[in-house]
Amino acid sequence: MKYFIVIALLVSLNQCISFYAKEGVEKCFSDEIPSQTIVVIYHELMSEGVAKNEKRDIPKMIKDGITLNVYGPDGNIVKTAKTVEGKNKLSFTAKTMGRYKFCVIKSKQFWSVNEYKYSIKIQQGVDHNLQDAANKTHVESIKDRISALKNRTDDFISLQQLNREQEDKLTTQSIDISRRVTQTTILQIVVLLASGVYQIWSLKKFFKQRFLM
């Protein structure tokens, strides 16, 4: 690891660079990046494979992958990723302004030294795919909230409708009970009046018969 060779190159924005990454040799590319800028890095282990022997199996040859390290202006690692095969994407936000370094390294395996075709593309600014995904996620989140609010509103309306139906039912029952009570009361009054009239008539008849005797 101590025999790394560091090659510093200036990478133009949106420019894709392809090269052979040699085991045990670190290649670095640098670029000046403003603060609060989104940086997207597209990195790929090319299908052409290994320079020394094109027919060898890349996944077996490159078990631990090719490591991509992003260093900030202070020299600390900001982001790191590994490429085993195929296309990959790495993104980060530059917190401070300065020169950032993008270093590619493949650890050496035993006595063999292989070279792997690798490409890297650095793009500053908002990645449209990420922005679209963020917008889509935001819209989906709003849709979910609206749907949840609509469901709650529908539940509340259904509850109000149920309460109104119950109130109407209770009102109808109360009117019916009141009508029946009124009818029963009138009937009781009629019975009492008839009973009173009958009692008075009976008393008159009784006294009349007593006087005649």
C-alpha atoms as a PDB file:
ATOM      1  CA  MET A   1       0.000   0.000   0.000  1.00  0.00           C
ATOM      2  CA  LYS A   2       2.926   2.356   0.622  1.00  0.00           C
ATOM      3  CA  TYR A   3       4.019   2.197  -3.052  1.00  0.00           C
ATOM      4  CA  PHE A   4       0.966   4.030  -4.357  1.00  0.00           C
ATOM      5  CA  ILE A   5       1.639   6.453  -7.186  1.00  0.00           C
ATOM      6  CA  VAL A   6      -0.619   9.512  -7.078  1.00  0.00           C
ATOM      7  CA  ILE A   7      -1.376  11.203 -10.402  1.00  0.00           C
ATOM      8  CA  ALA A   8      -3.218  14.514 -10.082  1.00  0.00           C
ATOM      9  CA  LEU A   9      -5.192  15.606 -13.135  1.00  0.00           C
ATOM     10  CA  LEU A  10      -7.757  18.334 -13.654  1.00  0.00           C
ATOM     11  CA  VAL A  11     -11.118  16.847 -14.668  1.00  0.00           C
ATOM     12  CA  SER A  12     -13.377  18.989 -16.822  1.00  0.00           C
ATOM     13  CA  LEU A  13     -17.036  19.033 -15.824  1.00  0.00           C
ATOM     14  CA  ASN A  14     -19.229  16.403 -17.467  1.00  0.00           C
ATOM     15  CA  GLN A  15     -16.158  14.835 -19.104  1.00  0.00           C
ATOM     16  CA  CYS A  16     -15.973  11.032 -18.959  1.00  0.00           C
ATOM     17  CA  ILE A  17     -12.453   9.655 -18.557  1.00  0.00           C
ATOM     18  CA  SER A  18     -11.543   6.005 -19.194  1.00  0.00           C
ATOM     19  CA  PHE A  19      -8.255   4.438 -18.121  1.00  0.00           C
ATOM     20  CA  TYR A  20      -6.705   1.216 -16.872  1.00  0.00           C
ATOM     21  CA  ALA A  21      -6.554   0.995 -13.093  1.00  0.00           C
ATOM     22  CA  LYS A  22      -3.427  -0.920 -12.178  1.00  0.00           C
ATOM     23  CA  GLU A  23      -3.327  -2.981  -8.997  1.00  0.00           C
ATOM     24  CA  GLY A  24      -1.444  -1.196  -6.238  1.00  0.00           C
ATOM     25  CA  VAL A  25      -1.408   2.143  -8.056  1.00  0.00           C
ATOM     26  CA  GLU A  26      -3.693   5.013  -6.980  1.00  0.00           C
ATOM     27  CA  LYS A  27      -4.897   7.467  -9.600  1.00  0.00           C
ATOM     28  CA  CYS A  28      -6.358  10.763  -8.452  1.00  0.00           C
ATOM     29  CA  PHE A  29      -8.297  13.464 -10.265  1.00  0.00           C
ATOM     30  CA  SER A  30      -9.079  16.855  -8.769  1.00  0.00           C
ATOM     31  CA  ASP A  31     -11.599  19.598  -9.372  1.00  0.00           C
ATOM     32  CA  GLU A  32     -12.558  22.914  -7.813  1.00  0.00           C
ATOM     33  CA  ILE A  33     -16.063  22.743  -6.367  1.00  0.00           C
ATOM     34  CA  PRO A  34     -18.154  25.578  -4.837  1.00  0.00           C
ATOM     35  CA  SER A  35     -19.760  25.079  -1.449  1.00  0.00           C
ATOM     36  CA  GLN A  36     -23.271  23.620  -1.147  1.00  0.00           C
ATOM     37  CA  THR A  37     -22.963  22.015  -4.590  1.00  0.00           C
ATOM     38  CA  ILE A  38     -24.273  18.548  -5.390  1.00  0.00           C
ATOM     39  CA  VAL A  39     -21.635  16.418  -7.086  1.00  0.00           C
ATOM     40  CA  VAL A  40     -22.590  13.249  -8.954  1.00  0.00           C
ATOM     41  CA  ILE A  41     -19.928  10.697  -9.896  1.00  0.00           C
ATOM     42  CA  TYR A  42     -20.641   7.984 -12.466  1.00  0.00           C
ATOM     43  CA  HIS A  43     -18.071   5.193 -12.177  1.00  0.00           C
ATOM     44  CA  GLU A  44     -17.923   1.944 -14.112  1.00  0.00           C
ATOM     45  CA  LEU A  45     -15.802  -1.160 -14.440  1.00  0.00           C
ATOM     46  CA  MET A  46     -15.767  -1.521 -18.217  1.00  0.00           C
ATOM     47  CA  SER A  47     -16.868  -4.732 -19.896  1.00  0.00           C
ATOM     48  CA  GLU A  48     -13.575  -4.949 -21.831  1.00  0.00           C
ATOM     49  CA  GLY A  49     -12.122  -6.414 -18.664  1.00  0.00           C
ATOM     50  CA  VAL A  50      -8.531  -6.999 -17.740  1.00  0.00           C
ATOM     51  CA  ALA A  51      -5.815  -5.586 -19.925  1.00  0.00           C
ATOM     52  CA  LYS A  52      -3.388  -8.502 -19.569  1.00  0.00           C
ATOM     53  CA  ASN A  53      -5.908 -11.242 -20.217  1.00  0.00           C
ATOM     54  CA  GLU A  54      -9.280 -10.235 -21.726  1.00  0.00           C
ATOM     55  CA  LYS A  55     -10.777 -13.728 -21.269  1.00  0.00           C
ATOM     56  CA  ARG A  56     -10.391 -13.903 -17.505  1.00  0.00           C
ATOM     57  CA  ASP A  57     -13.435 -13.699 -15.240  1.00  0.00           C
ATOM     58  CA  ILE A  58     -13.638 -10.102 -13.930  1.00  0.00           C
ATOM     59  CA  PRO A  59     -15.882 -10.761 -10.856  1.00  0.00           C
ATOM     60  CA  LYS A  60     -13.464 -13.486  -9.668  1.00  0.00           C
ATOM     61  CA  MET A  61     -10.432 -11.351 -10.412  1.00  0.00           C
ATOM     62  CA  ILE A  62     -11.763  -8.311  -8.573  1.00  0.00           C
ATOM     63  CA  LYS A  63     -13.364  -9.792  -5.474  1.00  0.00           C
ATOM     64  CA  ASP A  64     -12.832  -6.729  -3.267  1.00  0.00           C
ATOM     65  CA  GLY A  65     -13.630  -4.235  -6.037  1.00  0.00           C
ATOM     66  CA  ILE A  66     -12.021  -1.002  -7.142  1.00  0.00           C
ATOM     67  CA  THR A  67     -12.262   1.621  -4.410  1.00  0.00           C
ATOM     68  CA  LEU A  68     -13.220   5.216  -5.171  1.00  0.00           C
ATOM     69  CA  ASN A  69     -12.378   7.718  -2.420  1.00  0.00           C
ATOM     70  CA  VAL A  70     -13.467  11.355  -2.450  1.00  0.00           C
ATOM     71  CA  TYR A  71     -11.269  13.688  -0.391  1.00  0.00           C
ATOM     72  CA  GLY A  72     -12.338  17.163   0.712  1.00  0.00           C
ATOM     73  CA  PRO A  73     -10.153  20.282   0.710  1.00  0.00           C
ATOM     74  CA  ASP A  74      -9.042  19.369   4.249  1.00  0.00           C
ATOM     75  CA  GLY A  75      -7.773  15.969   3.097  1.00  0.00           C
ATOM     76  CA  ASN A  76     -10.445  13.955   4.894  1.00  0.00           C
ATOM     77  CA  ILE A  77     -12.534  11.343   3.085  1.00  0.00           C
ATOM     78  CA  VAL A  78     -15.967  12.743   2.214  1.00  0.00           C
ATOM     79  CA  LYS A  79     -17.360   9.696   0.440  1.00  0.00           C
ATOM     80  CA  THR A  80     -16.173   6.232  -0.546  1.00  0.00           C
ATOM     81  CA  ALA A  81     -17.559   3.520  -2.821  1.00  0.00           C
ATOM     82  CA  LYS A  82     -16.536   0.231  -4.415  1.00  0.00           C
ATOM     83  CA  THR A  83     -17.089  -0.908  -7.972  1.00  0.00           C
ATOM     84  CA  VAL A  84     -17.137  -4.677  -8.535  1.00  0.00           C
ATOM     85  CA  GLU A  85     -18.757  -4.658 -11.951  1.00  0.00           C
ATOM     86  CA  GLY A  86     -21.094  -2.601 -14.078  1.00  0.00           C
ATOM     87  CA  LYS A  87     -22.232   1.011 -13.791  1.00  0.00           C
ATOM     88  CA  ASN A  88     -22.522   2.791 -10.447  1.00  0.00           C
ATOM     89  CA  LYS A  89     -23.408   6.257  -9.215  1.00  0.00           C
ATOM     90  CA  LEU A  90     -22.169   8.160  -6.184  1.00  0.00           C
ATOM     91  CA  SER A  91     -23.364  11.585  -5.036  1.00  0.00           C
ATOM     92  CA  PHE A  92     -22.520  13.996  -2.230  1.00  0.00           C
ATOM     93  CA  THR A  93     -22.919  17.658  -1.320  1.00  0.00           C
ATOM     94  CA  ALA A  94     -19.774  19.762  -1.069  1.00  0.00           C
ATOM     95  CA  LYS A  95     -20.049  21.457   2.323  1.00  0.00           C
ATOM     96  CA  THR A  96     -17.077  23.780   1.774  1.00  0.00           C
ATOM     97  CA  MET A  97     -15.545  25.401  -1.287  1.00  0.00           C
ATOM     98  CA  GLY A  98     -12.198  24.113  -2.475  1.00  0.00           C
ATOM     99  CA  ARG A  99     -10.367  21.500  -4.511  1.00  0.00           C
ATOM    100  CA  TYR A 100     -11.769  18.003  -4.102  1.00  0.00           C
ATOM    101  CA  LYS A 101      -9.773  14.927  -5.015  1.00  0.00           C
ATOM    102  CA  PHE A 102     -11.242  11.743  -6.526  1.00  0.00           C
ATOM    103  CA  CYS A 103      -8.914   8.773  -6.095  1.00  0.00           C
ATOM    104  CA  VAL A 104      -9.226   5.277  -7.589  1.00  0.00           C
ATOM    105  CA  ILE A 105      -7.280   2.344  -6.135  1.00  0.00           C
ATOM    106  CA  LYS A 106      -7.285  -1.424  -6.624  1.00  0.00           C
ATOM    107  CA  SER A 107      -5.481  -3.389  -3.930  1.00  0.00           C
ATOM    108  CA  LYS A 108      -2.744  -5.695  -5.159  1.00  0.00           C
ATOM    109  CA  GLN A 109      -3.486  -9.443  -5.170  1.00  0.00           C
ATOM    110  CA  PHE A 110      -0.524 -11.644  -4.263  1.00  0.00           C
ATOM    111  CA  TRP A 111       2.174 -11.673  -6.962  1.00  0.00           C
ATOM    112  CA  SER A 112       0.006 -10.814  -9.964  1.00  0.00           C
ATOM    113  CA  VAL A 113      -0.479  -7.280 -11.239  1.00  0.00           C
ATOM    114  CA  ASN A 114      -3.533  -6.702 -13.404  1.00  0.00           C
ATOM    115  CA  GLU A 115      -5.010  -3.627 -15.022  1.00  0.00           C
ATOM    116  CA  TYR A 116      -8.766  -3.041 -15.121  1.00  0.00           C
ATOM    117  CA  LYS A 117     -10.471  -0.711 -17.554  1.00  0.00           C
ATOM    118  CA  TYR A 118     -12.331   1.891 -15.522  1.00  0.00           C
ATOM    119  CA  SER A 119     -14.288   5.025 -16.385  1.00  0.00           C
ATOM    120  CA  ILE A 120     -15.269   7.982 -14.251  1.00  0.00           C
ATOM    121  CA  LYS A 121     -17.472  10.995 -14.958  1.00  0.00           C
ATOM    122  CA  ILE A 122     -17.840  13.886 -12.526  1.00  0.00           C
ATOM    123  CA  GLN A 123     -20.821  16.196 -12.784  1.00  0.00           C
ATOM    124  CA  GLN A 124     -21.450  19.255 -10.670  1.00  0.00           C
ATOM    125  CA  GLY A 125     -24.882  20.622  -9.917  1.00  0.00           C
ATOM    126  CA  VAL A 126     -28.211  18.891  -9.285  1.00  0.00           C
ATOM    127  CA  ASP A 127     -28.513  15.530 -10.953  1.00  0.00           C
ATOM    128  CA  HIS A 128     -31.797  15.535 -12.861  1.00  0.00           C
ATOM    129  CA  ASN A 129     -32.559  11.935 -11.988  1.00  0.00           C
ATOM    130  CA  LEU A 130     -32.024  12.630  -8.324  1.00  0.00           C
ATOM    131  CA  GLN A 131     -34.065  15.820  -8.573  1.00  0.00           C
ATOM    132  CA  ASP A 132     -36.865  14.014 -10.391  1.00  0.00           C
ATOM    133  CA  ALA A 133     -36.780  11.247  -7.825  1.00  0.00           C
ATOM    134  CA  ALA A 134     -36.900  13.822  -5.029  1.00  0.00           C
ATOM    135  CA  ASN A 135     -39.789  15.628  -6.698  1.00  0.00           C
ATOM    136  CA  LYS A 136     -41.597  12.337  -7.262  1.00  0.00           C
ATOM    137  CA  THR A 137     -41.039  11.330  -3.652  1.00  0.00           C
ATOM    138  CA  HIS A 138     -42.282  14.733  -2.504  1.00  0.00           C
ATOM    139  CA  VAL A 139     -45.380  14.488  -4.731  1.00  0.00           C
ATOM    140  CA  GLU A 140     -46.064  10.924  -3.579  1.00  0.00           C
ATOM    141  CA  SER A 141     -45.735  12.069   0.039  1.00  0.00           C
ATOM    142  CA  ILE A 142     -48.242  14.885  -0.583  1.00  0.00           C
ATOM    143  CA  LYS A 143     -50.582  12.436  -2.335  1.00  0.00           C
ATOM    144  CA  ASP A 144     -50.382  10.056   0.613  1.00  0.00           C
ATOM    145  CA  ARG A 145     -51.165  12.891   3.038  1.00  0.00           C
ATOM    146  CA  ILE A 146     -54.094  14.074   0.893  1.00  0.00           C
ATOM    147  CA  SER A 147     -55.395  10.507   0.654  1.00  0.00           C
ATOM    148  CA  ALA A 148     -55.096  10.051   4.423  1.00  0.00           C
ATOM    149  CA  LEU A 149     -56.840  13.400   5.015  1.00  0.00           C
ATOM    150  CA  LYS A 150     -59.609  12.439   2.554  1.00  0.00           C
ATOM    151  CA  ASN A 151     -60.099   9.113   4.335  1.00  0.00           C
ATOM    152  CA  ARG A 152     -60.324  10.879   7.693  1.00  0.00           C
ATOM    153  CA  THR A 153     -62.774  13.401   6.227  1.00  0.00           C
ATOM    154  CA  ASP A 154     -64.902  10.605   4.761  1.00  0.00           C
ATOM    155  CA  ASP A 155     -64.886   8.826   8.130  1.00  0.00           C
ATOM    156  CA  PHE A 156     -65.920  12.035   9.882  1.00  0.00           C
ATOM    157  CA  ILE A 157     -68.736  12.641   7.366  1.00  0.00           C
ATOM    158  CA  SER A 158     -69.912   9.034   7.759  1.00  0.00           C
ATOM    159  CA  LEU A 159     -69.876   9.435  11.540  1.00  0.00           C
ATOM    160  CA  GLN A 160     -71.886  12.655  11.284  1.00  0.00           C
ATOM    161  CA  GLN A 161     -74.382  10.948   8.970  1.00  0.00           C
ATOM    162  CA  LEU A 162     -74.724   8.068  11.427  1.00  0.00           C
ATOM    163  CA  ASN A 163     -75.256  10.507  14.297  1.00  0.00           C
ATOM    164  CA  ARG A 164     -77.928  12.338  12.296  1.00  0.00           C
ATOM    165  CA  GLU A 165     -79.694   9.071  11.506  1.00  0.00           C
ATOM    166  CA  GLN A 166     -79.588   8.076  15.182  1.00  0.00           C
ATOM    167  CA  GLU A 167     -80.873  11.513  16.213  1.00  0.00           C
ATOM    168  CA  ASP A 168     -83.733  11.261  13.674  1.00  0.00           C
ATOM    169  CA  LYS A 169     -84.565   7.802  14.960  1.00  0.00           C
ATOM    170  CA  LEU A 170     -84.547   8.977  18.577  1.00  0.00           C
ATOM    171  CA  THR A 171     -86.665  11.996  17.647  1.00  0.00           C
ATOM    172  CA  THR A 172     -89.212   9.776  15.907  1.00  0.00           C
ATOM    173  CA  GLN A 173     -89.278   7.439  18.898  1.00  0.00           C
ATOM    174  CA  SER A 174     -89.695  10.385  21.285  1.00  0.00           C
ATOM    175  CA  ILE A 175     -92.617  11.794  19.239  1.00  0.00           C
ATOM    176  CA  ASP A 176     -94.256   8.364  19.121  1.00  0.00           C
ATOM    177  CA  ILE A 177     -93.837   7.876  22.876  1.00  0.00           C
ATOM    178  CA  SER A 178     -95.154  11.369  23.560  1.00  0.00           C
ATOM    179  CA  ARG A 179     -98.195  10.713  21.341  1.00  0.00           C
ATOM    180  CA  ARG A 180     -98.897   7.448  23.138  1.00  0.00           C
ATOM    181  CA  VAL A 181     -98.552   9.086  26.551  1.00  0.00           C
ATOM    182  CA  THR A 182    -100.936  11.825  25.468  1.00  0.00           C
ATOM    183  CA  GLN A 183    -103.482   9.310  24.211  1.00  0.00           C
ATOM    184  CA  THR A 184    -103.182   7.262  27.425  1.00  0.00           C
ATOM    185  CA  THR A 185    -103.630  10.390  29.544  1.00  0.00           C
ATOM    186  CA  ILE A 186    -106.750  11.455  27.614  1.00  0.00           C
ATOM    187  CA  LEU A 187    -108.152   7.938  27.956  1.00  0.00           C
ATOM    188  CA  GLN A 188    -107.500   7.975  31.701  1.00  0.00           C
ATOM    189  CA  ILE A 189    -109.216  11.373  32.013  1.00  0.00           C
ATOM    190  CA  VAL A 190    -112.241  10.072  30.068  1.00  0.00           C
ATOM    191  CA  VAL A 191    -112.426   6.984  32.277  1.00  0.00           C
ATOM    192  CA  LEU A 192    -112.151   9.096  35.424  1.00  0.00           C
ATOM    193  CA  LEU A 193    -114.865  11.465  34.201  1.00  0.00           C
ATOM    194  CA  ALA A 194    -117.143   8.552  33.266  1.00  0.00           C
ATOM    195  CA  SER A 195    -116.486   6.929  36.619  1.00  0.00           C
ATOM    196  CA  GLY A 196    -117.292  10.187  38.414  1.00  0.00           C
ATOM    197  CA  VAL A 197    -120.502  10.695  36.453  1.00  0.00           C
ATOM    198  CA  TYR A 198    -121.525   7.112  37.165  1.00  0.00           C
ATOM    199  CA  GLN A 199    -120.811   7.494  40.873  1.00  0.00           C
ATOM    200  CA  ILE A 200    -122.860  10.716  41.040  1.00  0.00           C
ATOM    201  CA  TRP A 201    -125.757   9.088  39.190  1.00  0.00           C
ATOM    202  CA  SER A 202    -125.586   6.062  41.483  1.00  0.00           C
ATOM    203  CA  LEU A 203    -125.652   8.280  44.594  1.00  0.00           C
ATOM    204  CA  LYS A 204    -128.614  10.268  43.317  1.00  0.00           C
ATOM    205  CA  LYS A 205    -130.507   7.105  42.568  1.00  0.00           C
ATOM    206  CA  PHE A 206    -129.650   5.717  45.979  1.00  0.00           C
ATOM    207  CA  PHE A 207    -130.851   8.810  47.870  1.00  0.00           C
ATOM    208  CA  LYS A 208    -133.974   9.064  45.724  1.00  0.00           C
ATOM    209  CA  GLN A 209    -134.933   5.485  46.591  1.00  0.00           C
ATOM    210  CA  ARG A 210    -134.306   6.167  50.309  1.00  0.00           C
ATOM    211  CA  PHE A 211    -136.552   9.217  50.311  1.00  0.00           C
ATOM    212  CA  LEU A 212    -139.350   7.373  48.545  1.00  0.00           C
ATOM    213  CA  MET A 213    -139.315   4.704  51.103  1.00  0.00           C
END
